[in-house]
């Protein structure tokens, strides 16, 4: 059995998916920001939320919970 050959342009012509924010995500974001701005300790809270989450070597999220 042989595989059907694809045209060369089919391999490289892939459409990129565009991320679209839904209304539910926007409403949750606004609620979180409003609650954060009303908090008296908003500066450290904002700093915490801005930092990118990452794990180092030998750190497993399943073991941290």
N, C-alpha and C. Protein backbone atom coordinates (compact mmCIF):
# COMPACT_ATOMS: atom_id res chain seq x y z
N UNK A 1 0.83 -1.19 0.00
CA UNK A 1 0.00 0.00 0.00
C UNK A 1 0.86 1.24 0.00
N UNK A 2 0.51 2.17 -0.79
CA UNK A 2 1.24 3.43 -0.84
C UNK A 2 0.35 4.55 -0.34
N UNK A 3 0.99 5.52 0.26
CA UNK A 3 0.24 6.68 0.74
C UNK A 3 0.00 7.64 -0.41
N UNK A 4 -1.16 8.26 -0.43
CA UNK A 4 -1.38 9.25 -1.49
C UNK A 4 -0.48 10.46 -1.28
N UNK A 5 0.07 10.96 -2.35
CA UNK A 5 0.98 12.11 -2.25
C UNK A 5 0.18 13.40 -2.16
N UNK A 6 0.67 14.26 -1.31
CA UNK A 6 0.05 15.58 -1.19
C UNK A 6 0.83 16.55 -2.07
N UNK A 7 0.16 17.55 -2.48
CA UNK A 7 0.85 18.60 -3.22
C UNK A 7 1.78 19.34 -2.27
N UNK A 8 2.89 19.83 -2.77
CA UNK A 8 3.87 20.49 -1.91
C UNK A 8 3.30 21.72 -1.22
N UNK A 9 2.42 22.42 -1.87
CA UNK A 9 1.87 23.62 -1.25
C UNK A 9 0.89 23.28 -0.13
N UNK A 10 0.30 22.10 -0.12
CA UNK A 10 -0.61 21.71 0.96
C UNK A 10 0.10 21.54 2.29
N UNK A 11 1.34 21.11 2.25
CA UNK A 11 2.09 20.87 3.48
C UNK A 11 2.38 22.18 4.21
N UNK A 12 2.73 23.19 3.48
CA UNK A 12 3.18 24.43 4.10
C UNK A 12 2.09 25.49 4.22
N UNK A 13 0.96 25.29 3.61
CA UNK A 13 -0.13 26.26 3.69
C UNK A 13 -1.09 25.86 4.81
N UNK A 14 -0.69 26.17 6.02
CA UNK A 14 -1.56 25.89 7.15
C UNK A 14 -2.11 27.22 7.65
N UNK A 15 -3.37 27.21 7.98
CA UNK A 15 -4.00 28.42 8.48
C UNK A 15 -3.74 28.55 9.97
N UNK A 16 -3.36 29.72 10.39
CA UNK A 16 -3.13 29.97 11.81
C UNK A 16 -4.45 30.26 12.49
N UNK A 17 -4.62 29.67 13.67
CA UNK A 17 -5.83 29.92 14.44
C UNK A 17 -5.69 31.24 15.17
N UNK A 18 -6.73 32.03 15.13
CA UNK A 18 -6.74 33.32 15.79
C UNK A 18 -7.53 33.20 17.09
N UNK A 19 -6.92 33.64 18.18
CA UNK A 19 -7.58 33.58 19.48
C UNK A 19 -8.55 34.74 19.60
N UNK A 20 -9.78 34.44 19.92
CA UNK A 20 -10.79 35.47 20.11
C UNK A 20 -11.29 35.39 21.55
N UNK A 21 -11.28 36.52 22.23
CA UNK A 21 -11.74 36.57 23.61
C UNK A 21 -13.26 36.57 23.62
N UNK A 22 -13.84 35.66 24.38
CA UNK A 22 -15.30 35.62 24.43
C UNK A 22 -15.81 36.60 25.50
N UNK A 23 -17.07 36.90 25.46
CA UNK A 23 -17.67 37.88 26.38
C UNK A 23 -17.58 37.42 27.83
N UNK A 24 -17.67 36.11 28.06
CA UNK A 24 -17.60 35.59 29.42
C UNK A 24 -16.22 35.87 30.03
N UNK A 25 -15.16 35.69 29.23
CA UNK A 25 -13.81 35.98 29.71
C UNK A 25 -13.65 37.46 30.03
N UNK A 26 -14.20 38.31 29.20
CA UNK A 26 -14.09 39.75 29.42
C UNK A 26 -14.82 40.17 30.69
N UNK A 27 -15.99 39.62 30.95
CA UNK A 27 -16.73 40.00 32.15
C UNK A 27 -16.00 39.53 33.40
N UNK A 28 -15.42 38.34 33.36
CA UNK A 28 -14.65 37.85 34.51
C UNK A 28 -13.43 38.72 34.73
N UNK A 29 -12.75 39.10 33.66
CA UNK A 29 -11.58 39.97 33.78
C UNK A 29 -11.94 41.30 34.41
N UNK A 30 -13.06 41.88 33.99
CA UNK A 30 -13.49 43.17 34.56
C UNK A 30 -13.86 43.03 36.03
N UNK A 31 -14.49 41.93 36.40
CA UNK A 31 -14.84 41.71 37.80
C UNK A 31 -13.59 41.57 38.66
N UNK A 32 -12.61 40.85 38.16
CA UNK A 32 -11.37 40.67 38.92
C UNK A 32 -10.64 41.99 39.07
N UNK A 33 -10.55 42.76 37.99
CA UNK A 33 -9.86 44.06 38.06
C UNK A 33 -10.58 45.03 38.98
N UNK A 34 -11.90 45.05 38.94
CA UNK A 34 -12.66 45.94 39.84
C UNK A 34 -12.44 45.56 41.29
N UNK A 35 -12.47 44.27 41.59
CA UNK A 35 -12.24 43.82 42.97
C UNK A 35 -10.81 44.13 43.41
N UNK A 36 -9.87 44.00 42.49
CA UNK A 36 -8.47 44.27 42.82
C UNK A 36 -8.24 45.76 43.08
N UNK A 37 -8.88 46.61 42.31
CA UNK A 37 -8.70 48.05 42.49
C UNK A 37 -9.33 48.55 43.79
N UNK A 38 -10.36 47.87 44.27
CA UNK A 38 -11.01 48.26 45.53
C UNK A 38 -10.22 47.78 46.74
N UNK A 39 -9.32 46.83 46.55
CA UNK A 39 -8.53 46.27 47.64
C UNK A 39 -7.47 47.29 48.08
N UNK A 40 -7.29 47.53 49.39
CA UNK A 40 -6.28 48.49 49.84
C UNK A 40 -4.84 48.04 49.54
N UNK A 41 -4.62 46.75 49.38
CA UNK A 41 -3.28 46.24 49.06
C UNK A 41 -3.20 45.86 47.59
N UNK A 42 -3.63 46.75 46.72
CA UNK A 42 -3.71 46.42 45.30
C UNK A 42 -2.34 46.37 44.63
N UNK A 43 -1.36 47.12 45.11
CA UNK A 43 -0.06 47.14 44.44
C UNK A 43 0.65 45.78 44.52
N UNK A 44 0.79 45.16 45.71
CA UNK A 44 1.43 43.84 45.73
C UNK A 44 0.58 42.76 45.04
N UNK A 45 -0.73 42.90 45.11
CA UNK A 45 -1.61 41.93 44.45
C UNK A 45 -1.44 42.00 42.94
N UNK A 46 -1.37 43.20 42.41
CA UNK A 46 -1.16 43.38 40.97
C UNK A 46 0.20 42.84 40.56
N UNK A 47 1.22 43.09 41.38
CA UNK A 47 2.56 42.55 41.09
C UNK A 47 2.58 41.04 41.07
N UNK A 48 1.80 40.42 41.95
CA UNK A 48 1.72 38.96 41.99
C UNK A 48 1.05 38.41 40.73
N UNK A 49 -0.01 39.07 40.27
CA UNK A 49 -0.74 38.58 39.12
C UNK A 49 -0.01 38.80 37.80
N UNK A 50 0.90 39.76 37.76
CA UNK A 50 1.61 40.08 36.52
C UNK A 50 2.75 39.09 36.25
N UNK A 51 3.30 38.48 37.30
CA UNK A 51 4.45 37.61 37.16
C UNK A 51 4.06 36.33 36.42
N UNK A 52 4.91 35.90 35.48
CA UNK A 52 4.66 34.69 34.72
C UNK A 52 4.95 33.46 35.59
N UNK A 53 4.08 32.48 35.55
CA UNK A 53 4.24 31.26 36.34
C UNK A 53 5.20 30.32 35.63
N UNK A 54 6.13 29.73 36.37
CA UNK A 54 7.03 28.73 35.81
C UNK A 54 7.48 27.78 36.90
N UNK A 55 7.92 26.62 36.49
CA UNK A 55 8.45 25.62 37.40
C UNK A 55 9.92 25.38 37.08
N UNK A 56 10.73 25.14 38.11
CA UNK A 56 12.14 24.83 37.91
C UNK A 56 12.32 23.32 37.84
N UNK A 57 13.57 22.90 37.77
CA UNK A 57 13.87 21.47 37.72
C UNK A 57 13.35 20.76 38.96
N UNK A 58 12.83 19.59 38.77
CA UNK A 58 12.34 18.72 39.84
C UNK A 58 11.19 19.35 40.64
N UNK A 59 10.49 20.28 40.07
CA UNK A 59 9.29 20.82 40.69
C UNK A 59 8.10 20.33 39.86
N UNK A 60 7.18 19.67 40.53
CA UNK A 60 6.02 19.12 39.85
C UNK A 60 4.77 19.69 40.48
N UNK A 61 3.90 20.23 39.66
CA UNK A 61 2.68 20.86 40.14
C UNK A 61 1.82 19.86 40.91
N UNK A 62 1.79 18.62 40.46
CA UNK A 62 0.96 17.61 41.13
C UNK A 62 1.45 17.32 42.54
N UNK A 63 2.73 17.51 42.81
CA UNK A 63 3.27 17.27 44.15
C UNK A 63 3.14 18.49 45.04
N UNK A 64 2.87 19.66 44.47
CA UNK A 64 2.74 20.88 45.25
C UNK A 64 1.36 21.03 45.86
N UNK A 65 0.39 20.38 45.29
CA UNK A 65 -1.00 20.53 45.75
C UNK A 65 -1.24 19.72 46.99
